Protein backbone atom coordinates (compact mmCIF):
# COMPACT_ATOMS: atom_id res chain seq x y z
CA MET A 1 -7.74 1.32 -51.40
CA THR A 2 -8.56 1.46 -47.83
CA ASP A 3 -11.16 4.28 -46.89
CA ILE A 4 -10.43 4.48 -43.27
CA SER A 5 -8.07 3.11 -40.62
CA LEU A 6 -9.07 2.58 -37.08
CA VAL A 7 -6.34 3.01 -34.57
CA VAL A 8 -6.22 2.24 -30.86
CA PRO A 9 -3.01 3.89 -29.08
CA SER A 10 -0.75 1.79 -26.98
CA SER A 11 -1.07 1.69 -23.12
CA PRO A 12 2.26 1.46 -21.68
CA PHE A 13 1.21 1.94 -18.46
CA LEU A 14 -0.40 -1.51 -18.33
CA ILE A 15 1.31 -4.85 -17.11
CA ASN A 16 -0.38 -6.48 -20.35
CA GLN A 17 -1.73 -4.66 -23.38
CA THR A 18 -2.83 -7.79 -25.35
CA THR A 19 -5.33 -9.07 -22.75
CA PHE A 20 -8.59 -8.60 -24.77
CA PRO A 21 -9.01 -7.18 -28.47
CA PRO A 22 -10.52 -3.55 -28.44
CA LEU A 23 -14.22 -4.15 -29.06
CA GLY A 24 -14.92 -0.51 -30.00
CA ILE A 25 -13.20 -0.21 -33.30
CA LEU A 26 -14.33 -3.92 -34.14
CA TYR A 27 -17.97 -2.64 -33.80
CA LEU A 28 -17.14 0.42 -35.96
CA ALA A 29 -15.30 -1.97 -38.54
CA SER A 30 -18.49 -3.84 -38.90
CA SER A 31 -20.66 -0.84 -39.27
CA LEU A 32 -18.26 0.48 -41.78
CA LYS A 33 -17.97 -2.70 -43.93
CA ASN A 34 -21.79 -2.96 -43.93
CA LYS A 35 -21.87 0.46 -45.61
CA GLY A 36 -19.33 -0.41 -48.25
CA PHE A 37 -16.22 1.12 -46.77
CA LYS A 38 -12.79 -0.67 -46.65
CA VAL A 39 -11.46 -0.76 -43.12
CA ASN A 40 -8.22 -1.66 -41.61
CA CYS A 41 -7.76 -1.80 -37.92
CA VAL A 42 -4.52 -1.28 -35.98
CA ASP A 43 -3.81 -2.05 -32.39
CA LEU A 44 -0.47 -0.44 -31.30
CA GLY A 45 -0.66 -2.57 -28.22
CA LEU A 46 -0.27 -5.57 -30.41
CA SER A 47 3.00 -4.57 -31.81
CA TYR A 48 1.38 -2.93 -34.81
CA SER A 49 3.42 -0.01 -36.33
CA PRO A 50 1.52 3.46 -36.64
CA SER A 51 2.47 3.07 -40.54
CA ALA A 52 -0.04 0.33 -40.44
CA ALA A 53 -2.82 2.95 -40.66
CA THR A 54 -2.71 3.20 -44.47
CA ALA A 55 -5.66 5.00 -45.22
CA LYS A 56 -6.13 8.72 -45.81
CA ILE A 57 -8.51 8.95 -43.18
CA VAL A 58 -7.53 7.79 -39.63
CA GLY A 59 -9.87 7.50 -36.85
CA ILE A 60 -8.24 7.05 -33.35
CA SER A 61 -10.35 5.78 -30.52
CA PHE A 62 -8.78 6.14 -26.88
CA THR A 63 -9.27 6.73 -23.25
CA SER A 64 -8.01 9.50 -20.96
CA PRO A 65 -4.88 7.54 -19.96
CA GLN A 66 -4.09 7.26 -23.56
CA ARG A 67 -4.32 10.57 -24.32
CA ASP A 68 -0.52 11.55 -24.83
CA GLN A 69 -0.21 8.49 -27.08
CA ALA A 70 -3.40 9.60 -29.12
CA TYR A 71 -2.35 13.29 -29.50
CA LYS A 72 1.26 12.39 -30.77
CA LEU A 73 -0.43 9.87 -33.31
CA ALA A 74 -2.72 12.58 -34.47
CA LYS A 75 -0.29 15.07 -35.07
CA ASP A 76 2.14 12.71 -36.94
CA TYR A 77 -0.68 11.40 -39.06
CA LYS A 78 -1.68 15.17 -39.86
CA ALA A 79 1.92 16.02 -40.74
CA ALA A 80 1.84 12.94 -43.16
CA GLY A 81 -1.24 14.68 -44.87
CA LYS A 82 -4.05 12.39 -43.23
CA ILE A 83 -7.38 13.46 -41.84
CA THR A 84 -7.64 12.49 -38.19
CA ILE A 85 -11.04 11.73 -36.27
CA ALA A 86 -11.02 11.27 -32.49
CA GLY A 87 -13.57 8.94 -30.82
CA GLY A 88 -13.95 7.06 -27.45
CA PRO A 89 -14.42 8.28 -23.88
CA HIS A 90 -11.66 11.00 -23.77
CA ALA A 91 -12.82 12.56 -26.99
CA THR A 92 -16.39 12.42 -25.92
CA HIS A 93 -15.61 14.44 -22.79
CA LYS A 94 -12.65 16.62 -24.13
CA SER A 95 -13.56 17.09 -27.75
CA LYS A 96 -12.13 20.75 -27.91
CA GLU A 97 -8.83 19.63 -26.36
CA CYS A 98 -8.66 16.96 -29.12
CA LEU A 99 -9.02 19.55 -31.86
CA LYS A 100 -6.08 21.61 -30.45
CA ASN A 101 -3.88 18.56 -30.38
CA GLY A 102 -3.87 17.28 -33.91
CA PHE A 103 -7.46 16.24 -34.58
CA ASP A 104 -9.57 17.72 -37.50
CA TYR A 105 -12.81 16.23 -36.31
CA VAL A 106 -14.46 14.45 -33.07
CA ILE A 107 -17.25 12.24 -32.94
CA LYS A 108 -18.64 12.26 -29.34
CA GLY A 109 -20.57 9.13 -28.06
CA GLU A 110 -21.35 5.88 -29.63
CA ALA A 111 -20.45 6.04 -33.47
CA ASP A 112 -21.99 2.78 -34.84
CA ASP A 113 -24.11 4.91 -37.05
CA ALA A 114 -22.39 8.30 -36.91
CA LEU A 115 -19.11 7.44 -38.20
CA PRO A 116 -20.32 5.86 -41.47
CA SER A 117 -22.78 8.76 -42.18
CA PHE A 118 -19.77 11.04 -41.62
CA LEU A 119 -17.64 9.35 -44.08
CA GLU A 120 -20.18 9.67 -46.51
CA ILE A 121 -20.43 13.57 -46.04
CA LEU A 122 -16.67 13.87 -45.77
CA ASN A 123 -16.26 12.05 -49.13
CA ASN A 124 -18.41 14.57 -51.09
CA SER A 125 -17.58 18.20 -52.09
CA PHE A 126 -19.21 19.79 -49.21
CA SER A 127 -16.75 18.46 -46.68
CA ASN A 128 -15.32 21.91 -45.77
CA ILE A 129 -18.56 22.87 -44.07
CA ILE A 130 -18.80 20.21 -41.65
CA PHE A 131 -18.73 21.37 -38.12
CA PRO A 132 -15.66 19.65 -36.47
CA ILE A 133 -17.30 18.27 -33.32
CA ILE A 134 -20.11 15.82 -34.09
CA ASP A 135 -22.54 14.65 -31.33
CA ALA A 136 -23.39 10.99 -32.16
CA VAL A 137 -27.05 9.65 -31.92
CA GLU A 138 -26.91 6.54 -29.77
CA PRO A 139 -28.33 3.43 -31.46
CA GLN A 140 -31.33 2.65 -29.08
CA ASN A 141 -32.00 -0.90 -30.25
CA ILE A 142 -28.68 -2.59 -29.80
CA ASN A 143 -29.92 -6.00 -30.87
CA ARG A 144 -29.68 -4.53 -34.39
CA ILE A 145 -25.95 -3.48 -34.14
CA LEU A 146 -23.76 -6.01 -36.12
CA TYR A 147 -21.56 -8.15 -34.36
CA PRO A 148 -17.73 -6.79 -33.70
CA ASP A 149 -15.58 -7.76 -36.73
CA ARG A 150 -13.38 -10.18 -34.85
CA THR A 151 -11.50 -11.04 -38.19
CA ALA A 152 -10.27 -7.31 -38.30
CA LEU A 153 -7.63 -7.96 -35.91
CA PRO A 154 -5.71 -11.55 -35.20
CA ILE A 155 -8.03 -12.37 -32.20
CA HIS A 156 -6.00 -15.40 -31.07
CA GLN A 157 -3.03 -12.91 -30.42
CA TYR A 158 -4.79 -11.77 -27.55
CA HIS A 159 -4.28 -13.54 -24.39
CA TYR A 160 -6.67 -14.15 -21.49
CA GLU A 161 -7.61 -17.32 -19.71
CA LEU A 162 -10.49 -18.40 -17.58
CA ASN A 163 -10.13 -21.70 -15.48
CA GLY A 164 -7.13 -22.48 -17.94
CA LYS A 165 -9.16 -21.89 -21.09
CA PRO A 166 -8.52 -19.39 -23.70
CA ALA A 167 -11.21 -16.72 -23.47
CA THR A 168 -12.23 -13.73 -25.33
CA VAL A 169 -14.37 -10.52 -24.43
CA ILE A 170 -17.91 -9.85 -25.11
CA MET A 171 -20.43 -7.00 -24.56
CA THR A 172 -24.11 -7.46 -23.84
CA SER A 173 -25.12 -4.04 -22.96
CA ARG A 174 -24.31 -0.49 -23.13
CA GLY A 175 -24.21 2.19 -20.42
CA CYS A 176 -24.92 1.72 -16.56
CA PRO A 177 -28.30 1.05 -15.31
CA VAL A 178 -27.71 3.00 -12.17
CA LYS A 179 -29.75 5.89 -11.96
CA HIS A 180 -27.30 8.53 -10.13
CA PRO A 181 -24.01 7.38 -11.20
CA CYS A 182 -20.90 7.19 -9.17
CA SER A 183 -18.88 10.33 -8.33
CA PHE A 184 -15.84 8.89 -10.13
CA CYS A 185 -17.67 7.41 -13.15
CA SER A 186 -16.83 8.56 -16.61
CA LYS A 187 -19.39 7.18 -19.23
CA ILE A 188 -19.75 8.18 -22.92
CA THR A 189 -23.40 6.95 -23.22
CA LYS A 190 -26.34 8.57 -21.76
CA LYS A 191 -29.02 5.62 -21.42
CA PHE A 192 -28.57 1.90 -20.24
CA ARG A 193 -29.59 -0.77 -23.21
CA MET A 194 -29.37 -4.51 -22.91
CA GLN A 195 -29.08 -7.03 -25.56
CA SER A 196 -31.92 -9.80 -25.58
CA SER A 197 -31.07 -12.94 -24.17
CA GLU A 198 -31.64 -14.53 -27.65
CA ARG A 199 -29.25 -12.11 -29.36
CA THR A 200 -26.51 -12.79 -26.53
CA ALA A 201 -26.77 -16.53 -26.87
CA HIS A 202 -26.49 -16.43 -30.71
CA GLU A 203 -23.25 -14.30 -30.40
CA ILE A 204 -21.71 -16.66 -27.98
CA LEU A 205 -22.56 -19.61 -30.25
CA HIS A 206 -21.12 -17.42 -33.17
CA ILE A 207 -18.06 -16.78 -31.45
CA ASN A 208 -17.55 -20.42 -30.35
CA ASP A 209 -18.38 -21.83 -33.73
CA LYS A 210 -16.20 -19.34 -35.90
CA PHE A 211 -13.17 -19.12 -33.34
CA GLY A 212 -13.63 -21.87 -31.09
CA PHE A 213 -13.83 -20.01 -27.60
CA GLU A 214 -15.57 -21.76 -24.82
CA ALA A 215 -14.65 -18.99 -22.23
CA PHE A 216 -15.91 -15.40 -22.09
CA MET A 217 -15.34 -12.36 -20.21
CA ILE A 218 -18.56 -10.35 -20.39
CA TYR A 219 -17.51 -6.81 -19.99
CA ASP A 220 -20.91 -5.04 -19.11
CA ASP A 221 -20.82 -2.55 -16.15
CA VAL A 222 -23.47 -4.69 -14.55
CA PHE A 223 -24.20 -7.82 -16.58
CA THR A 224 -26.57 -9.22 -13.63
CA ILE A 225 -29.02 -6.30 -13.70
CA ASN A 226 -32.01 -8.38 -15.10
CA LYS A 227 -32.91 -11.89 -13.72
CA LYS A 228 -35.06 -12.61 -16.61
CA ARG A 229 -32.50 -12.19 -19.03
CA LEU A 230 -30.11 -14.24 -17.13
CA LYS A 231 -32.55 -16.95 -16.88
CA GLY A 232 -33.07 -16.72 -20.75
CA LEU A 233 -29.33 -17.47 -21.34
CA VAL A 234 -29.55 -20.31 -18.88
CA ASP A 235 -32.41 -21.80 -21.08
CA LEU A 236 -30.71 -20.79 -24.48
CA LEU A 237 -26.98 -21.94 -24.10
CA PRO A 238 -26.00 -25.53 -23.68
CA ARG A 239 -25.29 -26.78 -20.10
CA ASN A 240 -21.72 -27.14 -18.91
CA LYS A 241 -20.22 -26.11 -22.22
CA PHE A 242 -19.20 -22.47 -21.59
CA ILE A 243 -17.79 -20.73 -18.59
CA PHE A 244 -18.02 -16.92 -17.96
CA ARG A 245 -16.50 -13.87 -15.86
CA CYS A 246 -18.58 -10.92 -15.47
CA PHE A 247 -19.21 -7.84 -13.42
CA SER A 248 -21.89 -7.03 -11.12
CA ARG A 249 -22.80 -4.68 -8.09
CA SER A 250 -23.31 -5.94 -4.63
CA ASP A 251 -26.64 -4.49 -4.03
CA ILE A 252 -28.19 -6.95 -6.85
CA ILE A 253 -26.27 -10.06 -5.64
CA ASP A 254 -28.94 -12.32 -4.08
CA GLU A 255 -29.57 -15.90 -3.98
CA GLU A 256 -31.66 -16.06 -7.12
CA VAL A 257 -28.84 -14.27 -9.13
CA CYS A 258 -26.18 -16.58 -7.62
CA GLU A 259 -28.07 -19.80 -8.52
CA LEU A 260 -28.41 -18.44 -12.18
CA LEU A 261 -24.97 -17.46 -12.54
CA HIS A 262 -23.86 -20.76 -11.31
CA GLN A 263 -26.29 -22.58 -13.73
CA LEU A 264 -24.95 -20.29 -16.57
CA GLY A 265 -21.34 -21.36 -15.95
CA VAL A 266 -20.16 -18.13 -14.23
CA VAL A 267 -16.86 -18.82 -12.45
CA GLU A 268 -15.92 -15.37 -11.30
CA VAL A 269 -17.68 -12.08 -10.41
CA GLY A 270 -15.81 -8.67 -10.18
CA ILE A 271 -17.44 -6.22 -7.81
CA GLY A 272 -16.88 -2.48 -7.34
CA ILE A 273 -16.51 -2.37 -3.68
CA GLU A 274 -14.23 0.64 -3.92
CA SER A 275 -13.92 1.38 -0.17
CA GLY A 276 -14.33 -0.29 3.20
CA SER A 277 -15.62 2.90 4.76
CA ASP A 278 -19.50 3.56 4.65
CA LYS A 279 -18.50 7.39 4.89
CA ILE A 280 -16.53 7.16 1.62
CA LEU A 281 -19.10 4.98 -0.24
CA LYS A 282 -21.84 7.46 0.68
CA MET A 283 -19.79 10.61 -0.09
CA ASN A 284 -18.99 9.00 -3.47
CA MET A 285 -22.71 8.04 -4.45
CA LYS A 286 -21.90 4.37 -4.44
CA ASN A 287 -25.41 3.28 -3.10
CA SER A 288 -23.80 0.43 -1.35
CA ASN A 289 -22.32 -0.18 2.09
CA LYS A 290 -20.05 -2.39 4.08
CA GLU A 291 -22.71 -4.82 4.90
CA LYS A 292 -24.17 -5.23 1.54
CA ASN A 293 -20.45 -5.66 0.02
CA THR A 294 -19.70 -8.30 2.67
CA GLN A 295 -22.67 -10.10 1.98
CA SER A 296 -22.42 -10.28 -1.65
CA ILE A 297 -18.90 -11.90 -1.53
CA LYS A 298 -20.09 -14.38 0.94
CA LEU A 299 -23.10 -15.41 -1.29
CA LEU A 300 -21.01 -15.84 -4.11
CA ARG A 301 -18.50 -18.21 -2.19
CA ASP A 302 -21.45 -20.09 -1.12
CA TYR A 303 -22.18 -21.13 -4.68
CA GLY A 304 -19.02 -21.71 -5.67
CA ILE A 305 -18.24 -18.57 -7.55
CA ARG A 306 -15.08 -16.63 -6.98
CA SER A 307 -15.26 -12.83 -6.29
CA LYS A 308 -12.77 -10.34 -7.54
CA ALA A 309 -13.08 -6.94 -5.34
CA PHE A 310 -12.29 -3.66 -6.98
CA LEU A 311 -10.92 -1.18 -4.64
CA ILE A 312 -9.80 2.48 -5.07
CA VAL A 313 -7.43 4.14 -2.77
CA GLY A 314 -7.77 8.25 -2.51
CA LEU A 315 -11.45 8.83 -3.38
CA PRO A 316 -12.65 12.12 -1.93
CA GLY A 317 -12.59 12.08 1.77
CA GLU A 318 -9.94 9.27 2.13
CA THR A 319 -8.08 9.31 5.39
CA GLU A 320 -5.68 6.84 7.16
CA GLU A 321 -8.52 5.77 9.13
CA THR A 322 -10.85 5.21 6.13
CA VAL A 323 -8.05 3.16 4.44
CA ALA A 324 -7.73 1.12 7.73
CA GLU A 325 -11.53 0.43 7.51
CA THR A 326 -10.81 -0.95 3.75
CA GLU A 327 -8.11 -3.10 5.49
CA GLU A 328 -10.55 -4.41 7.95
CA TRP A 329 -13.29 -5.03 5.29
CA ILE A 330 -10.76 -7.20 3.22
CA LYS A 331 -10.03 -9.21 6.32
CA GLU A 332 -13.55 -9.81 6.99
CA ALA A 333 -15.24 -10.46 3.63
CA LYS A 334 -11.98 -12.41 2.39
CA PRO A 335 -12.96 -11.84 -1.40
CA PHE A 336 -11.08 -14.44 -3.72
CA ASP A 337 -8.98 -11.65 -5.35
CA LEU A 338 -8.37 -7.96 -5.24
CA ASP A 339 -7.77 -5.14 -7.93
CA ILE A 340 -6.63 -2.04 -6.04
CA SER A 341 -6.18 1.08 -8.18
CA ILE A 342 -5.42 4.79 -7.36
CA PHE A 343 -8.06 7.32 -7.86
CA GLN A 344 -7.60 9.63 -10.77
CA PRO A 345 -10.21 12.14 -11.74
CA LEU A 346 -11.59 11.04 -15.23
CA PRO A 347 -13.06 13.71 -17.58
CA GLY A 348 -16.61 13.38 -17.66
CA SER A 349 -17.03 12.40 -13.94
CA SER A 350 -18.89 14.43 -11.36
CA ILE A 351 -15.52 14.84 -9.36
CA PHE A 352 -13.56 16.03 -12.43
CA ASN A 353 -16.30 18.51 -13.34
CA ASP A 354 -16.65 19.90 -9.65
CA PRO A 355 -13.69 19.10 -7.46
CA ASP A 356 -14.31 21.83 -4.97
CA SER A 357 -17.62 20.21 -3.91
CA TYR A 358 -15.61 17.04 -3.04
CA GLY A 359 -12.99 19.12 -1.30
CA ILE A 360 -10.05 17.95 -3.43
CA SER A 361 -7.87 19.42 -6.26
CA PHE A 362 -5.70 17.59 -8.85
CA SER A 363 -3.33 18.27 -11.65
CA TYR A 364 -4.94 17.37 -14.95
CA GLU A 365 -2.01 18.41 -17.12
CA THR A 366 0.03 15.12 -15.57
CA SER A 367 -0.36 12.14 -17.55
CA TYR A 368 -1.94 9.52 -15.17
CA PHE A 369 -3.70 5.94 -14.99
CA PHE A 370 -5.85 4.49 -12.44
CA LYS A 371 -4.58 0.93 -13.35
CA GLY A 372 -1.26 -0.17 -14.29
CA ILE A 373 2.26 -1.56 -13.38
CA PRO A 374 2.82 -2.11 -9.63
CA GLY A 375 5.71 0.35 -8.52
CA LYS A 376 4.75 2.70 -11.22
CA TYR A 377 1.84 4.20 -9.71
CA THR A 378 1.53 8.13 -9.08
CA SER A 379 -1.31 10.16 -7.74
CA VAL A 380 -2.35 13.79 -9.05
CA VAL A 381 -4.96 14.14 -6.20
CA LYS A 382 -4.29 16.55 -3.19
CA ASP A 383 -6.73 15.83 -0.37
CA THR A 384 -6.18 15.29 3.34
CA ILE A 385 -3.57 12.58 2.37
CA SER A 386 -0.58 13.54 0.36
CA SER A 387 -0.44 12.03 -3.21
CA GLU A 388 2.86 10.21 -2.19
CA ARG A 389 1.10 8.78 0.78
CA LEU A 390 -1.77 7.54 -1.21
CA VAL A 391 0.26 5.61 -3.53
CA GLU A 392 2.18 4.20 -0.40
CA LEU A 393 -1.20 3.04 0.88
CA ARG A 394 -2.20 1.47 -2.08
CA GLU A 395 0.91 -0.32 -2.64
CA TYR A 396 0.79 -1.64 1.13
CA LEU A 397 -2.70 -3.08 0.55
CA GLU A 398 -1.72 -4.83 -2.67
CA ASP A 399 1.40 -6.18 -1.46
CA LYS A 400 -0.32 -7.63 1.88
CA TYR A 401 -3.50 -8.83 0.43
CA LYS A 402 -3.43 -9.72 -3.26
CA ASN A 403 -3.06 -13.43 -4.29
CA LYS A 404 -2.97 -14.24 -0.72
CA ASP A 405 -4.45 -18.02 -0.08
CA TYR A 406 -5.33 -16.97 3.55
CA LEU A 407 -8.16 -14.65 2.25
CA ARG A 408 -9.81 -17.52 0.47
């Protein structure tokens, strides 16, 4: 009999819900199985039914845009007599809200160690004295964390391609190395930790051997933070066998980093540019500027590496003039690709916690997402530009500049 079912809600706001397997619950599946628990994983974005969660105990991991789906699931599972546990980014920052919406327990933070320990307590006769909110102790040495259990879900039913090759996702660090986080950032972890190059190379080779993948999306917030580790990966992995996509920051993209990425086989780098206005970047603690951002795009191009610029319309301080500056930046820097989202204050972020200091107000009760299906975006923010106008400006930039060859 299954001891626990781990569930990821659907994300109906996304263009494609089957891009990558949900590594969060796959890490937990490994930790739980290592302690002798029987686990089944359920990804409702992959056409699973909620009834596939067969265990008496159900853990649901979700982000803020998924909260409505998660709360409905929790209430339905409770009505069926199941014990419900909330986890993930939204549960970490809105634990009391989760308890009001169908959850019996909440685990805040990284649950690799906390969830197996909690289940052991829950299964004994003293389970009724457990406080409903559990603060997880973060695993400090992530080299010792087991690989995600990629057999717990049908990994080849997820579809992402890199240069025409089937690709899968891997994480080689946790947290963000930036000392002062961006105003809009919502993290569940307090400390940045990296896997060693040896551990990372071994995991890549393991995935290749077991599942056949030669292309990887490295989902670290800032994969390029440590040049020594990059060089280690270049030395440890066979040359010209694998290709990668990763994320970086413009202020750490230099000639040496680009050369190492080129040698490693990185074909595309995503960078959080956010805005083409220095005023907006400074106000939102981005620690970058237009000049750095433009230089990073051009450096990557010089080394034959594609760039994808992530932009946000509607950050605090946004005006028609600052959006025009963003448009000018796009035309000057000419990133290979763009991802333009609408600003939504996420629980746990500086803006969400203190909107008055940023001069904005917003409606939290309205369900919202920051990345989704074109034509269905909404804004919940009230600033110098109306919510409706922010959506219009986002759509204008996307329609005019995304996937346009003349930018390349």
